[in-house]
């Protein structure tokens, strides 16, 4: 099989079989990229669901211990967790810039 032909003007052109092979390769690459994009989008949605769940649990825990006289170290850990979760929520859900 000869993928390239030379015409009289000294330029190279692809024959039909070479063009078909290139088109098939491009289509396969496109399908692979499409599959990876959809998989990444599904994973992103699942991670966002986990983040929202974690954020809700931390906020619930924070409101449960509010004024309950719990150990200050535990309260500080919950405050830090709430702050970090709030930053992630703001970054991934509320900033659309």
Protein backbone atom coordinates (compact mmCIF):
# COMPACT_ATOMS: atom_id res chain seq x y z
CA UNK A 1 0.00 0.00 0.00
CA UNK A 2 1.31 3.39 -0.99
CA UNK A 3 -0.25 6.13 1.18
CA UNK A 4 1.05 9.07 -0.81
CA UNK A 5 1.05 9.89 -4.52
CA UNK A 6 3.00 12.57 -6.27
CA UNK A 7 1.30 14.61 -8.95
CA UNK A 8 2.85 16.46 -11.81
CA UNK A 9 3.27 19.76 -9.93
CA UNK A 10 5.68 18.17 -7.45
CA UNK A 11 3.21 18.25 -4.53
CA UNK A 12 2.14 15.28 -2.44
CA UNK A 13 -1.51 14.23 -2.12
CA UNK A 14 -3.09 11.45 -0.06
CA UNK A 15 -4.86 8.62 -1.80
CA UNK A 16 -8.34 7.49 -0.73
CA UNK A 17 -7.13 4.65 1.49
CA UNK A 18 -4.72 6.88 3.40
CA UNK A 19 -7.45 9.48 3.87
CA UNK A 20 -9.84 6.82 5.18
CA UNK A 21 -7.22 5.53 7.65
CA UNK A 22 -6.56 9.05 8.91
CA UNK A 23 -10.28 9.73 9.27
CA UNK A 24 -10.73 6.47 11.22
CA UNK A 25 -7.83 7.36 13.51
CA UNK A 26 -9.27 10.82 14.13
CA UNK A 27 -12.72 9.37 14.84
CA UNK A 28 -11.24 6.90 17.32
CA UNK A 29 -9.32 9.69 19.05
CA UNK A 30 -12.48 11.82 19.16
CA UNK A 31 -14.47 8.97 20.75
CA UNK A 32 -11.72 8.40 23.33
CA UNK A 33 -11.71 12.10 24.21
CA UNK A 34 -15.51 12.17 24.40
CA UNK A 35 -15.52 9.15 26.74
CA UNK A 36 -12.85 10.68 29.00
CA UNK A 37 -14.66 14.02 29.10
CA UNK A 38 -17.94 12.40 30.12
CA UNK A 39 -16.19 10.25 32.74
CA UNK A 40 -14.47 13.32 34.22
CA UNK A 41 -17.77 15.21 34.28
CA UNK A 42 -19.48 12.34 36.16
CA UNK A 43 -16.59 12.14 38.64
CA UNK A 44 -16.74 15.91 39.12
CA UNK A 45 -20.46 15.74 39.91
CA UNK A 46 -19.89 12.90 42.41
CA UNK A 47 -17.10 14.83 44.13
CA UNK A 48 -19.31 17.91 44.36
CA UNK A 49 -22.08 15.81 45.92
CA UNK A 50 -19.60 14.51 48.50
CA UNK A 51 -18.41 18.05 49.22
CA UNK A 52 -21.96 19.30 49.72
CA UNK A 53 -22.71 16.38 52.05
CA UNK A 54 -19.56 16.98 54.06
CA UNK A 55 -20.30 20.70 54.25
CA UNK A 56 -23.81 20.00 55.52
CA UNK A 57 -22.54 17.57 58.16
CA UNK A 58 -19.94 20.04 59.41
CA UNK A 59 -22.51 22.84 59.57
CA UNK A 60 -24.93 20.56 61.44
CA UNK A 61 -22.22 19.52 63.89
CA UNK A 62 -21.26 23.16 64.39
CA UNK A 63 -24.82 24.15 65.23
CA UNK A 64 -25.24 21.14 67.55
CA UNK A 65 -22.23 22.09 69.67
CA UNK A 66 -22.97 25.80 69.69
CA UNK A 67 -23.19 26.82 73.34
CA UNK A 68 -23.14 23.23 74.62
CA UNK A 69 -19.96 23.63 76.64
CA UNK A 70 -17.99 21.13 74.53
CA UNK A 71 -14.23 21.03 74.86
CA UNK A 72 -12.60 24.06 73.23
CA UNK A 73 -10.15 21.98 71.18
CA UNK A 74 -12.98 20.03 69.57
CA UNK A 75 -14.85 23.26 68.94
CA UNK A 76 -11.75 24.76 67.29
CA UNK A 77 -11.36 21.71 65.02
CA UNK A 78 -14.98 22.02 63.96
CA UNK A 79 -14.51 25.75 63.29
CA UNK A 80 -11.47 25.06 61.12
CA UNK A 81 -13.30 22.28 59.23
CA UNK A 82 -16.28 24.60 58.68
CA UNK A 83 -13.98 27.34 57.39
CA UNK A 84 -12.21 25.03 54.95
CA UNK A 85 -15.50 23.54 53.75
CA UNK A 86 -16.95 27.03 53.28
CA UNK A 87 -13.94 28.07 51.19
CA UNK A 88 -14.32 25.02 48.95
CA UNK A 89 -18.05 25.63 48.60
CA UNK A 90 -17.44 29.25 47.62
CA UNK A 91 -14.73 28.25 45.16
CA UNK A 92 -16.66 25.46 43.42
CA UNK A 93 -20.28 26.54 43.67
CA UNK A 94 -20.62 30.28 44.07
CA UNK A 95 -17.76 31.86 42.09
CA UNK A 96 -18.63 31.67 38.42
CA UNK A 97 -15.87 34.02 37.21
